[in-house]
Protein backbone atom coordinates (compact mmCIF):
# COMPACT_ATOMS: atom_id res chain seq x y z
CA MET A 1 -35.47 -80.70 -0.22
CA LEU A 2 -34.60 -77.15 -0.39
CA ARG A 3 -30.77 -77.97 0.25
CA SER A 4 -30.55 -80.39 -2.36
CA THR A 5 -32.56 -78.17 -4.92
CA LEU A 6 -32.20 -74.52 -4.30
CA LEU A 7 -28.54 -74.19 -4.02
CA ARG A 8 -27.85 -76.53 -7.09
CA ARG A 9 -29.73 -74.48 -8.85
CA LEU A 10 -28.37 -70.97 -7.65
CA PHE A 11 -25.00 -71.98 -9.05
CA CYS A 12 -26.19 -72.88 -12.54
CA ALA A 13 -26.58 -69.53 -14.75
CA PHE A 14 -30.20 -69.37 -14.73
CA LEU A 15 -32.83 -70.08 -11.61
CA VAL A 16 -36.10 -71.95 -12.02
CA LEU A 17 -39.11 -72.53 -9.62
CA VAL A 18 -38.13 -73.56 -6.29
CA ALA A 19 -39.88 -74.29 -2.87
CA THR A 20 -43.16 -74.11 -5.25
CA ALA A 21 -45.49 -75.62 -2.43
CA ALA A 22 -44.57 -72.81 -0.02
CA LEU A 23 -45.21 -70.20 -2.34
CA VAL A 24 -47.80 -71.40 -5.25
CA GLU A 25 -50.86 -73.74 -4.99
CA PRO A 26 -50.09 -77.16 -5.63
CA SER A 27 -52.38 -77.05 -9.08
CA ALA A 28 -49.80 -74.19 -10.05
CA VAL A 29 -46.77 -76.21 -10.14
CA ARG A 30 -46.88 -78.00 -13.39
CA GLU A 31 -47.66 -74.37 -15.23
CA ALA A 32 -44.72 -72.82 -13.14
CA ALA A 33 -42.48 -75.28 -14.17
CA LEU A 34 -42.91 -74.68 -17.84
CA VAL A 35 -40.93 -71.38 -17.27
CA LEU A 36 -37.25 -70.84 -16.79
CA VAL A 37 -36.05 -67.77 -15.38
CA VAL A 38 -32.68 -66.50 -16.84
CA ALA A 39 -30.30 -64.19 -14.63
CA VAL A 40 -30.01 -60.89 -16.64
CA ALA A 41 -27.81 -58.01 -15.74
CA ALA A 42 -29.15 -54.62 -15.41
CA ASP A 43 -26.92 -53.18 -18.24
CA ALA A 44 -28.23 -55.95 -20.33
CA ILE A 45 -31.88 -54.73 -20.34
CA GLY A 46 -31.75 -51.82 -22.52
CA PRO A 47 -29.57 -53.75 -25.35
CA MET A 48 -32.31 -56.71 -25.22
CA LEU A 49 -35.40 -54.45 -25.20
CA ALA A 50 -33.59 -52.23 -28.13
CA VAL A 51 -33.20 -55.43 -30.55
CA GLY A 52 -36.28 -56.92 -29.31
CA LEU A 53 -34.55 -60.20 -28.46
CA GLY A 54 -34.77 -62.06 -25.01
CA PRO A 55 -31.97 -64.14 -23.27
CA THR A 56 -30.39 -67.28 -25.13
CA LEU A 57 -30.41 -70.79 -23.46
CA PRO A 58 -27.44 -70.64 -21.13
CA THR A 59 -25.08 -73.50 -21.71
CA GLY A 60 -25.72 -76.66 -19.73
CA ALA A 61 -29.16 -75.99 -18.81
CA VAL A 62 -31.40 -79.22 -18.16
CA CYS A 63 -35.01 -79.69 -17.66
CA PRO A 64 -36.66 -78.80 -14.53
CA ALA A 65 -38.84 -81.45 -14.97
CA CYS A 66 -36.49 -84.42 -15.61
CA ALA A 67 -33.01 -82.95 -15.73
CA GLY A 68 -32.54 -84.10 -19.48
CA ALA A 69 -30.77 -81.49 -21.99
CA LEU A 70 -32.69 -78.71 -23.21
CA GLY A 71 -32.38 -77.38 -26.50
CA PRO A 72 -33.73 -74.47 -28.47
CA TRP A 73 -37.46 -74.55 -29.63
CA ALA A 74 -39.34 -71.84 -31.43
CA SER A 75 -40.26 -68.29 -29.73
CA TYR A 76 -42.82 -66.22 -29.29
CA SER A 77 -43.31 -62.32 -28.66
CA ARG A 78 -44.58 -60.41 -25.60
CA LEU A 79 -45.36 -56.66 -25.39
CA VAL A 80 -43.19 -54.98 -22.40
CA ARG A 81 -43.98 -51.48 -21.25
CA VAL A 82 -41.65 -48.99 -20.49
CA ARG A 83 -41.08 -45.40 -19.57
CA GLY A 84 -42.53 -43.60 -22.85
CA GLY A 85 -43.74 -46.68 -24.50
CA SER A 86 -43.57 -50.03 -24.94
CA ALA A 87 -41.34 -52.63 -26.76
CA ARG A 88 -41.98 -55.82 -28.44
CA LEU A 89 -39.56 -58.55 -26.90
CA ARG A 90 -38.93 -62.17 -28.57
CA LEU A 91 -38.71 -64.74 -25.96
CA ALA A 92 -37.28 -68.19 -26.59
CA ARG A 93 -38.28 -71.11 -25.62
CA ALA A 94 -36.40 -74.56 -24.88
CA ARG A 95 -37.24 -78.11 -25.34
CA CYS A 96 -36.48 -81.39 -23.31
CA ARG A 97 -34.79 -83.79 -25.35
CA ALA A 98 -35.75 -86.48 -23.04
CA CYS A 99 -39.28 -85.69 -21.86
CA ARG A 100 -40.16 -83.26 -24.64
CA ARG A 101 -41.37 -80.37 -22.66
CA THR A 102 -41.37 -77.02 -23.45
CA HIS A 103 -39.94 -74.18 -21.38
CA ALA A 104 -40.41 -70.48 -21.94
CA LEU A 105 -37.20 -68.77 -20.90
CA LEU A 106 -38.28 -65.49 -19.27
CA PRO A 107 -35.53 -62.97 -18.35
CA SER A 108 -35.42 -61.99 -14.80
CA PHE A 109 -36.43 -58.31 -15.42
CA LEU A 110 -40.12 -59.71 -16.41
CA ILE A 111 -42.72 -61.06 -14.62
CA ALA A 112 -45.41 -63.52 -15.66
CA TYR A 113 -48.94 -61.92 -16.23
CA ARG A 114 -47.24 -58.10 -15.85
CA ARG A 115 -46.11 -55.81 -19.05
CA ASP A 116 -43.92 -53.53 -16.68
CA LEU A 117 -40.30 -54.24 -15.83
CA ALA A 118 -39.87 -55.88 -12.60
CA PRO A 119 -37.31 -53.16 -11.17
CA THR A 120 -40.34 -50.78 -11.98
CA ILE A 121 -42.73 -52.96 -9.79
CA GLY A 122 -40.06 -53.20 -7.06
CA THR A 123 -39.58 -49.35 -6.80
CA ALA A 124 -43.31 -48.77 -6.35
CA LEU A 125 -43.25 -51.67 -3.57
CA ALA A 126 -40.41 -50.12 -1.79
CA ALA A 127 -42.49 -46.81 -1.73
CA ALA A 128 -45.56 -48.49 -0.72
CA ALA A 129 -43.54 -50.11 2.41
CA ASP A 130 -42.42 -46.43 3.22
CA GLY A 131 -46.20 -45.46 3.38
CA ARG A 132 -46.89 -44.00 -0.23
CA GLY A 133 -50.33 -45.06 -1.43
CA HIS A 134 -51.15 -46.55 -5.08
CA ARG A 135 -52.60 -43.32 -6.04
CA PRO A 136 -49.57 -41.05 -5.73
CA LEU A 137 -47.30 -44.03 -6.89
CA ALA A 138 -49.43 -44.57 -10.14
CA ALA A 139 -49.22 -40.65 -10.95
CA ALA A 140 -45.38 -40.70 -10.32
CA LEU A 141 -45.09 -43.53 -12.69
CA GLY A 142 -47.55 -42.19 -15.08
CA LEU A 143 -49.65 -45.71 -14.88
CA PRO A 144 -53.29 -46.49 -14.37
CA THR A 145 -54.11 -46.85 -10.59
CA GLU A 146 -55.74 -50.13 -11.13
CA THR A 147 -52.39 -51.51 -12.29
CA VAL A 148 -50.50 -50.22 -9.18
CA ARG A 149 -53.38 -51.02 -6.57
CA GLY A 150 -53.01 -54.49 -8.24
CA TRP A 151 -49.40 -54.75 -7.70
CA LEU A 152 -49.63 -53.85 -3.97
CA ARG A 153 -52.34 -56.40 -3.68
CA ARG A 154 -50.82 -59.09 -4.83
CA ALA A 155 -47.45 -58.43 -2.95
CA ARG A 156 -49.15 -58.33 0.29
CA ALA A 157 -50.70 -61.70 -0.24
CA GLN A 158 -47.33 -63.25 -1.17
CA THR A 159 -45.44 -61.42 1.26
CA ALA A 160 -45.38 -63.85 4.13
CA PRO A 161 -44.32 -67.17 1.83
CA LEU A 162 -41.66 -65.25 -0.23
CA ALA A 163 -40.21 -63.97 3.15
CA ARG A 164 -40.02 -67.76 4.26
CA ILE A 165 -38.28 -68.50 1.23
CA LEU A 166 -35.73 -65.97 1.35
CA ALA A 167 -34.89 -66.60 5.07
CA ARG A 168 -34.29 -69.99 4.18
CA LEU A 169 -32.45 -69.19 1.24
CA LEU A 170 -30.38 -67.05 3.53
CA GLY A 171 -30.02 -69.66 6.31
CA GLU A 172 -28.63 -72.32 3.33
CA LEU A 173 -26.12 -69.70 2.49
CA GLY A 174 -25.02 -69.29 6.03
CA HIS A 175 -26.03 -65.56 6.73
CA LEU A 176 -27.75 -64.08 9.46
CA LEU A 177 -31.30 -62.59 9.15
CA PRO A 178 -31.50 -58.62 9.31
CA ARG A 179 -33.47 -57.34 12.06
CA PRO A 180 -37.07 -56.81 11.19
CA PRO A 181 -38.11 -53.50 10.95
CA PRO A 182 -40.94 -51.76 12.98
CA SER A 183 -42.83 -50.85 9.70
CA GLY A 184 -44.51 -53.94 8.90
CA PRO A 185 -44.37 -57.18 6.67
CA LEU A 186 -43.75 -55.74 3.21
CA ALA A 187 -40.91 -53.72 4.72
CA TRP A 188 -39.56 -56.95 6.18
CA LEU A 189 -39.72 -58.35 2.81
CA LEU A 190 -37.86 -55.99 1.25
CA GLU A 191 -34.89 -56.29 3.98
CA LEU A 192 -34.99 -60.10 3.57
CA LEU A 193 -34.78 -59.67 -0.44
CA ASP A 194 -31.92 -56.88 -0.35
CA ALA A 195 -29.76 -59.31 1.69
CA ALA A 196 -30.57 -62.04 -0.13
CA HIS A 197 -29.57 -60.31 -3.00
CA ARG A 198 -26.20 -58.93 -1.71
CA VAL A 199 -25.37 -62.58 -0.63
CA VAL A 200 -26.32 -64.19 -4.00
CA ARG A 201 -24.19 -61.94 -5.93
CA ALA A 202 -21.02 -62.00 -3.45
CA ARG A 203 -21.24 -65.70 -2.94
CA LEU A 204 -22.43 -67.40 -6.06
CA ASN A 205 -21.49 -64.46 -8.53
CA LEU A 206 -24.98 -64.57 -10.01
CA VAL A 207 -25.87 -61.15 -11.17
CA TYR A 208 -29.49 -60.04 -11.48
CA ASP A 209 -30.87 -56.86 -12.96
CA SER A 210 -32.15 -55.99 -9.29
CA ALA A 211 -33.06 -57.34 -6.21
CA TRP A 212 -36.69 -57.96 -7.71
CA GLY A 213 -35.01 -60.24 -10.59
CA LEU A 214 -33.84 -62.66 -7.63
CA ALA A 215 -37.77 -62.61 -6.35
CA VAL A 216 -38.64 -63.25 -10.11
CA ALA A 217 -36.19 -66.19 -10.51
CA LEU A 218 -37.28 -67.74 -6.76
CA THR A 219 -40.93 -67.51 -7.92
CA GLY A 220 -40.64 -69.08 -11.21
CA GLY A 221 -41.57 -65.92 -12.89
CA ARG A 222 -45.10 -65.92 -10.72
CA LEU A 223 -44.30 -63.24 -8.60
CA LEU A 224 -47.44 -61.10 -8.27
CA ALA A 225 -49.06 -63.53 -10.27
CA PRO A 226 -53.01 -64.07 -10.04
CA PRO A 227 -54.04 -67.04 -7.53
CA SER A 228 -54.05 -70.52 -9.32
CA ARG A 229 -57.48 -71.87 -10.39
CA PRO A 230 -57.85 -75.48 -8.54
């Protein structure tokens, strides 16, 4: 199943939820499928935030539920926290012309249920893998300690399933797995994510804002999302 869906979606300009059973509970699959993660390069984040407009619907995008053609459909506003303040970003939606389902277009630098940018959260997780606690990290980022502590808790809860997805992705692309570091599961996840980001960029020419943008895409925007209710 992974071979027939993951690589096909990687070759597109955007990537939607894959291998959902490994990362999110079955009850969350339908919800997660309502998000299309659009690959956004790092140098496009600033201009998007400056004008307050998210990515547009990629050419040739198809519905992840039925593979029908997608067309533009309304939009909604989202508050994003950036250094020194916050910004409003209007995100587009798409509607399937076949099954009539609507899908939010989430840029890869954002995470569902989180106000902060994915690269900011990724920086904190990398520092945590090196042994820094949530309090000094929160102070360095100028954020509430509860926020950073929540990131770390959810990241540690999702480390094993996301690592499995990344390992399978590297295998699909014919890349050898990096050697596991001695510093723990979170550090191992970072090694896998960095390797996957390099391989996807080099072999598939897909450019994300950061390695965490790829993680957002692989989780259908649900990276660090709270557990789904049954």
